[in-house]
C-alpha atoms as a PDB file:
ATOM      1  CA  MET A   1      54.904  31.962 -38.951  1.00  0.00           C
ATOM      2  CA  ILE A   2      51.081  31.662 -40.497  1.00  0.00           C
ATOM      3  CA  SER A   3      51.067  32.092 -44.279  1.00  0.00           C
ATOM      4  CA  LEU A   4      47.878  33.740 -45.421  1.00  0.00           C
ATOM      5  CA  ASN A   5      48.167  31.884 -48.686  1.00  0.00           C
ATOM      6  CA  THR A   6      47.490  28.561 -46.881  1.00  0.00           C
ATOM      7  CA  LYS A   7      44.207  26.976 -47.851  1.00  0.00           C
ATOM      8  CA  ARG A   8      42.126  25.008 -45.024  1.00  0.00           C
ATOM      9  CA  ASP A   9      40.563  21.700 -45.736  1.00  0.00           C
ATOM     10  CA  ASN A  10      37.158  22.046 -44.085  1.00  0.00           C
ATOM     11  CA  ARG A  11      35.887  18.574 -44.874  1.00  0.00           C
ATOM     12  CA  SER A  12      38.442  16.955 -42.323  1.00  0.00           C
ATOM     13  CA  LYS A  13      37.340  18.435 -39.031  1.00  0.00           C
ATOM     14  CA  GLY A  14      33.933  17.609 -37.155  1.00  0.00           C
ATOM     15  CA  PHE A  15      31.030  15.676 -38.340  1.00  0.00           C
ATOM     16  CA  THR A  16      28.511  15.708 -40.931  1.00  0.00           C
ATOM     17  CA  ILE A  17      24.737  16.080 -40.135  1.00  0.00           C
ATOM     18  CA  VAL A  18      24.342  12.702 -41.801  1.00  0.00           C
ATOM     19  CA  GLU A  19      26.759  11.058 -39.414  1.00  0.00           C
ATOM     20  CA  LEU A  20      24.937  13.004 -36.511  1.00  0.00           C
ATOM     21  CA  LEU A  21      21.616  11.563 -37.490  1.00  0.00           C
ATOM     22  CA  ILE A  22      22.460   7.966 -37.896  1.00  0.00           C
ATOM     23  CA  VAL A  23      24.341   8.001 -34.148  1.00  0.00           C
ATOM     24  CA  ILE A  24      20.717   9.503 -32.782  1.00  0.00           C
ATOM     25  CA  VAL A  25      18.754   7.108 -34.738  1.00  0.00           C
ATOM     26  CA  VAL A  26      21.300   4.155 -33.297  1.00  0.00           C
ATOM     27  CA  ILE A  27      21.075   5.528 -29.765  1.00  0.00           C
ATOM     28  CA  GLY A  28      17.022   5.690 -30.119  1.00  0.00           C
ATOM     29  CA  ILE A  29      16.618   2.101 -30.991  1.00  0.00           C
ATOM     30  CA  LEU A  30      19.016   0.773 -28.210  1.00  0.00           C
ATOM     31  CA  ALA A  31      17.036   2.837 -25.752  1.00  0.00           C
ATOM     32  CA  ALA A  32      13.658   1.548 -26.984  1.00  0.00           C
ATOM     33  CA  LEU A  33      15.121  -1.938 -26.496  1.00  0.00           C
ATOM     34  CA  VAL A  34      16.294  -1.244 -23.122  1.00  0.00           C
ATOM     35  CA  ILE A  35      13.096   0.388 -22.078  1.00  0.00           C
ATOM     36  CA  THR A  36      10.926  -2.634 -23.427  1.00  0.00           C
ATOM     37  CA  THR A  37      13.268  -5.365 -21.894  1.00  0.00           C
ATOM     38  CA  TYR A  38      13.131  -3.470 -18.573  1.00  0.00           C
ATOM     39  CA  ALA A  39       9.211  -3.329 -18.800  1.00  0.00           C
ATOM     40  CA  GLY A  40       9.176  -7.128 -19.401  1.00  0.00           C
ATOM     41  CA  ILE A  41      11.379  -7.997 -16.723  1.00  0.00           C
ATOM     42  CA  GLN A  42       9.493  -5.959 -14.256  1.00  0.00           C
ATOM     43  CA  ALA A  43       6.289  -7.931 -15.341  1.00  0.00           C
ATOM     44  CA  LYS A  44       8.121 -11.154 -15.270  1.00  0.00           C
ATOM     45  CA  ALA A  45       8.912 -10.460 -11.533  1.00  0.00           C
ATOM     46  CA  ARG A  46       5.591  -9.469 -10.550  1.00  0.00           C
ATOM     47  CA  ASN A  47       4.145 -12.780 -12.043  1.00  0.00           C
ATOM     48  CA  GLY A  48       6.740 -14.859 -10.115  1.00  0.00           C
ATOM     49  CA  LYS A  49       5.671 -12.815  -6.918  1.00  0.00           C
ATOM     50  CA  ARG A  50       2.084 -13.745  -7.740  1.00  0.00           C
ATOM     51  CA  SER A  51       2.654 -17.510  -8.113  1.00  0.00           C
ATOM     52  CA  THR A  52       4.691 -17.460  -4.718  1.00  0.00           C
ATOM     53  CA  ASP A  53       2.032 -15.472  -2.850  1.00  0.00           C
ATOM     54  CA  VAL A  54      -0.648 -17.943  -3.759  1.00  0.00           C
ATOM     55  CA  GLN A  55       1.570 -20.798  -2.960  1.00  0.00           C
ATOM     56  CA  SER A  56       2.363 -19.282   0.546  1.00  0.00           C
ATOM     57  CA  ILE A  57      -1.617 -18.675   1.242  1.00  0.00           C
ATOM     58  CA  GLN A  58      -2.467 -22.162  -0.120  1.00  0.00           C
ATOM     59  CA  THR A  59       0.163 -23.639   2.440  1.00  0.00           C
ATOM     60  CA  GLN A  60      -1.437 -21.631   5.445  1.00  0.00           C
ATOM     61  CA  LEU A  61      -4.734 -22.547   4.357  1.00  0.00           C
ATOM     62  CA  GLU A  62      -3.996 -26.488   4.139  1.00  0.00           C
ATOM     63  CA  ALA A  63      -2.179 -25.771   7.812  1.00  0.00           C
ATOM     64  CA  PHE A  64      -5.658 -24.437   9.249  1.00  0.00           C
ATOM     65  CA  TYR A  65      -7.598 -27.411   7.675  1.00  0.00           C
ATOM     66  CA  SER A  66      -5.525 -29.732   9.045  1.00  0.00           C
ATOM     67  CA  GLN A  67      -5.785 -28.406  12.490  1.00  0.00           C
ATOM     68  CA  ASN A  68      -9.654 -27.180  12.118  1.00  0.00           C
ATOM     69  CA  GLY A  69     -11.229 -29.287   9.648  1.00  0.00           C
ATOM     70  CA  TYR A  70     -12.388 -26.540   7.544  1.00  0.00           C
ATOM     71  CA  TYR A  71     -11.289 -23.824   5.640  1.00  0.00           C
ATOM     72  CA  PRO A  72     -11.701 -20.128   6.536  1.00  0.00           C
ATOM     73  CA  SER A  73     -14.462 -18.036   4.861  1.00  0.00           C
ATOM     74  CA  LEU A  74     -13.436 -14.994   2.459  1.00  0.00           C
ATOM     75  CA  ALA A  75     -14.579 -12.834   5.230  1.00  0.00           C
ATOM     76  CA  ASP A  76     -12.106 -14.558   7.902  1.00  0.00           C
ATOM     77  CA  MET A  77      -9.291 -14.200   5.345  1.00  0.00           C
ATOM     78  CA  ASN A  78      -9.815 -10.604   4.809  1.00  0.00           C
ATOM     79  CA  SER A  79     -10.077  -9.759   8.786  1.00  0.00           C
ATOM     80  CA  LYS A  80      -6.542  -8.756   9.836  1.00  0.00           C
ATOM     81  CA  THR A  81      -7.877  -9.684  13.534  1.00  0.00           C
ATOM     82  CA  TRP A  82      -8.708 -12.979  12.567  1.00  0.00           C
ATOM     83  CA  ARG A  83      -5.670 -13.517  10.423  1.00  0.00           C
ATOM     84  CA  ALA A  84      -3.533 -12.266  13.466  1.00  0.00           C
ATOM     85  CA  THR A  85      -5.073 -15.022  15.668  1.00  0.00           C
ATOM     86  CA  ASN A  86      -5.260 -18.056  13.300  1.00  0.00           C
ATOM     87  CA  MET A  87      -2.914 -17.414  10.686  1.00  0.00           C
ATOM     88  CA  LYS A  88       0.082 -15.993  12.548  1.00  0.00           C
ATOM     89  CA  SER A  89       2.938 -17.106   9.995  1.00  0.00           C
ATOM     90  CA  LEU A  90       1.169 -15.684   7.038  1.00  0.00           C
ATOM     91  CA  ASP A  91       2.701 -12.818   5.902  1.00  0.00           C
ATOM     92  CA  LYS A  92       0.137  -9.987   5.170  1.00  0.00           C
ATOM     93  CA  VAL A  93       2.119  -8.802   2.179  1.00  0.00           C
ATOM     94  CA  ALA A  94       1.306 -12.340   0.556  1.00  0.00           C
ATOM     95  CA  LEU A  95      -2.303 -11.468   0.233  1.00  0.00           C
ATOM     96  CA  VAL A  96      -1.627  -8.230  -1.923  1.00  0.00           C
ATOM     97  CA  ASP A  97      -1.106  -8.414  -5.651  1.00  0.00           C
ATOM     98  CA  PRO A  98       2.165  -6.659  -6.481  1.00  0.00           C
ATOM     99  CA  SER A  99       0.328  -4.112  -8.910  1.00  0.00           C
ATOM    100  CA  THR A 100      -1.898  -2.845  -6.435  1.00  0.00           C
ATOM    101  CA  ASN A 101      -1.892  -0.530  -3.308  1.00  0.00           C
ATOM    102  CA  CYS A 102      -4.125  -2.553  -0.908  1.00  0.00           C
ATOM    103  CA  ASP A 103      -3.161  -2.349   2.586  1.00  0.00           C
ATOM    104  CA  PRO A 104      -4.095  -5.552   4.212  1.00  0.00           C
ATOM    105  CA  GLU A 105      -3.654  -3.583   7.811  1.00  0.00           C
ATOM    106  CA  ALA A 106      -6.062  -0.779   6.699  1.00  0.00           C
ATOM    107  CA  VAL A 107      -8.424  -2.431   4.403  1.00  0.00           C
ATOM    108  CA  SER A 108     -10.224  -5.604   4.840  1.00  0.00           C
ATOM    109  CA  THR A 109     -10.848  -6.385   1.230  1.00  0.00           C
ATOM    110  CA  CYS A 110      -7.315  -7.506  -0.484  1.00  0.00           C
ATOM    111  CA  LEU A 111      -8.773 -10.936  -1.268  1.00  0.00           C
ATOM    112  CA  ALA A 112     -11.344 -10.941  -3.649  1.00  0.00           C
ATOM    113  CA  ALA A 113     -14.446 -13.477  -4.278  1.00  0.00           C
ATOM    114  CA  THR A 114     -14.096 -13.808  -8.129  1.00  0.00           C
ATOM    115  CA  PRO A 115     -10.771 -13.636 -10.159  1.00  0.00           C
ATOM    116  CA  ALA A 116      -9.738 -10.152 -11.576  1.00  0.00           C
ATOM    117  CA  ALA A 117      -6.566  -8.220 -12.597  1.00  0.00           C
ATOM    118  CA  LYS A 118      -4.337  -6.748  -9.797  1.00  0.00           C
ATOM    119  CA  VAL A 119      -6.144  -8.941  -6.793  1.00  0.00           C
ATOM    120  CA  TYR A 120      -6.118 -12.407  -5.615  1.00  0.00           C
ATOM    121  CA  ALA A 121      -9.104 -14.412  -5.578  1.00  0.00           C
ATOM    122  CA  TYR A 122     -10.233 -16.811  -2.949  1.00  0.00           C
ATOM    123  CA  ALA A 123     -13.363 -18.608  -3.510  1.00  0.00           C
ATOM    124  CA  VAL A 124     -14.362 -21.074  -0.791  1.00  0.00           C
ATOM    125  CA  GLN A 125     -17.169 -23.569  -0.953  1.00  0.00           C
ATOM    126  CA  ASP A 126     -19.026 -26.297   1.173  1.00  0.00           C
ATOM    127  CA  ALA A 127     -18.860 -29.971   0.082  1.00  0.00           C
ATOM    128  CA  SER A 128     -21.653 -29.427  -2.247  1.00  0.00           C
ATOM    129  CA  GLY A 129     -20.046 -26.194  -4.101  1.00  0.00           C
ATOM    130  CA  ALA A 130     -22.432 -23.831  -2.457  1.00  0.00           C
ATOM    131  CA  SER A 131     -20.269 -20.506  -1.450  1.00  0.00           C
ATOM    132  CA  CYS A 132     -19.666 -20.303   2.252  1.00  0.00           C
ATOM    133  CA  GLU A 133     -21.012 -17.515   4.306  1.00  0.00           C
ATOM    134  CA  THR A 134     -19.028 -15.605   7.024  1.00  0.00           C
ATOM    135  CA  THR A 135     -19.591 -17.699   9.953  1.00  0.00           C
ATOM    136  CA  ASP A 136     -19.380 -20.954   8.184  1.00  0.00           C
ATOM    137  CA  THR A 137     -17.310 -23.799   9.536  1.00  0.00           C
ATOM    138  CA  ASN A 138     -18.217 -26.504   6.770  1.00  0.00           C
ATOM    139  CA  CYS A 139     -15.981 -25.185   4.001  1.00  0.00           C
ATOM    140  CA  ALA A 140     -14.545 -27.879   2.436  1.00  0.00           C
ATOM    141  CA  GLN A 141     -12.987 -26.527  -0.681  1.00  0.00           C
ATOM    142  CA  TYR A 142     -11.425 -23.289  -2.128  1.00  0.00           C
ATOM    143  CA  THR A 143      -9.873 -22.012  -5.133  1.00  0.00           C
ATOM    144  CA  LEU A 144      -7.110 -19.320  -5.004  1.00  0.00           C
ATOM    145  CA  THR A 145      -6.432 -17.615  -8.427  1.00  0.00           C
ATOM    146  CA  ALA A 146      -3.771 -14.788  -9.309  1.00  0.00           C
ATOM    147  CA  THR A 147      -4.408 -13.016 -12.708  1.00  0.00           C
ATOM    148  CA  TYR A 148      -0.708 -12.638 -14.633  1.00  0.00           C
ATOM    149  CA  GLU A 149       0.195  -9.517 -16.708  1.00  0.00           C
ATOM    150  CA  GLY A 150       0.253 -11.248 -19.943  1.00  0.00           C
ATOM    151  CA  THR A 151       0.623 -14.961 -20.281  1.00  0.00           C
ATOM    152  CA  VAL A 152       3.051 -17.381 -18.214  1.00  0.00           C
ATOM    153  CA  ASN A 153       3.299 -20.850 -19.974  1.00  0.00           C
ATOM    154  CA  ASN A 154       0.260 -20.012 -22.109  1.00  0.00           C
ATOM    155  CA  GLN A 155      -1.718 -19.312 -18.953  1.00  0.00           C
ATOM    156  CA  THR A 156      -3.496 -16.168 -17.975  1.00  0.00           C
ATOM    157  CA  THR A 157      -4.038 -17.136 -14.371  1.00  0.00           C
ATOM    158  CA  TYR A 158      -2.553 -19.132 -11.555  1.00  0.00           C
ATOM    159  CA  VAL A 159      -4.922 -21.203  -9.727  1.00  0.00           C
ATOM    160  CA  LYS A 160      -4.220 -23.394  -6.572  1.00  0.00           C
ATOM    161  CA  LYS A 161      -7.071 -25.532  -5.419  1.00  0.00           C
ATOM    162  CA  ASN A 162      -7.322 -27.422  -1.845  1.00  0.00           C
ATOM    163  CA  LEU A 163      -5.346 -30.402  -1.472  1.00  0.00           C
ATOM    164  CA  ASP A 164      -7.516 -33.829  -1.411  1.00  0.00           C
END
């Protein structure tokens, strides 16, 4: 039977506001750490893809050069018809920076002439260093550039040049 004279200790049940606030602050700090780490991991993965893409493009350019004796122009590289005929093993996704929505099947300007964020650059020149035009077959050198998000090994860009 319950006695009416029993005194109840109110401090023994539940949490205080201070305890709840401490838990909320700790959860907030942990959430902030997870979110910033996740964003850093994503950027690192995109930078890795940029390096891999540029290396893939370089491999295809060197194979084309060994067969034809010249490098393709920027217009050729941006033409899906030309790529389908001359660079069949080049993955079309390798031409697209992972941070952009450029569709190499629909748009013919996924590669740019000058380096910029969110786009790969392909600068091609003749032996004297002059820029190659659309129909040139005397393109003797090139520079491929991908711009990193942040820095990787103290570099803001990943650059590959023609093999000599």
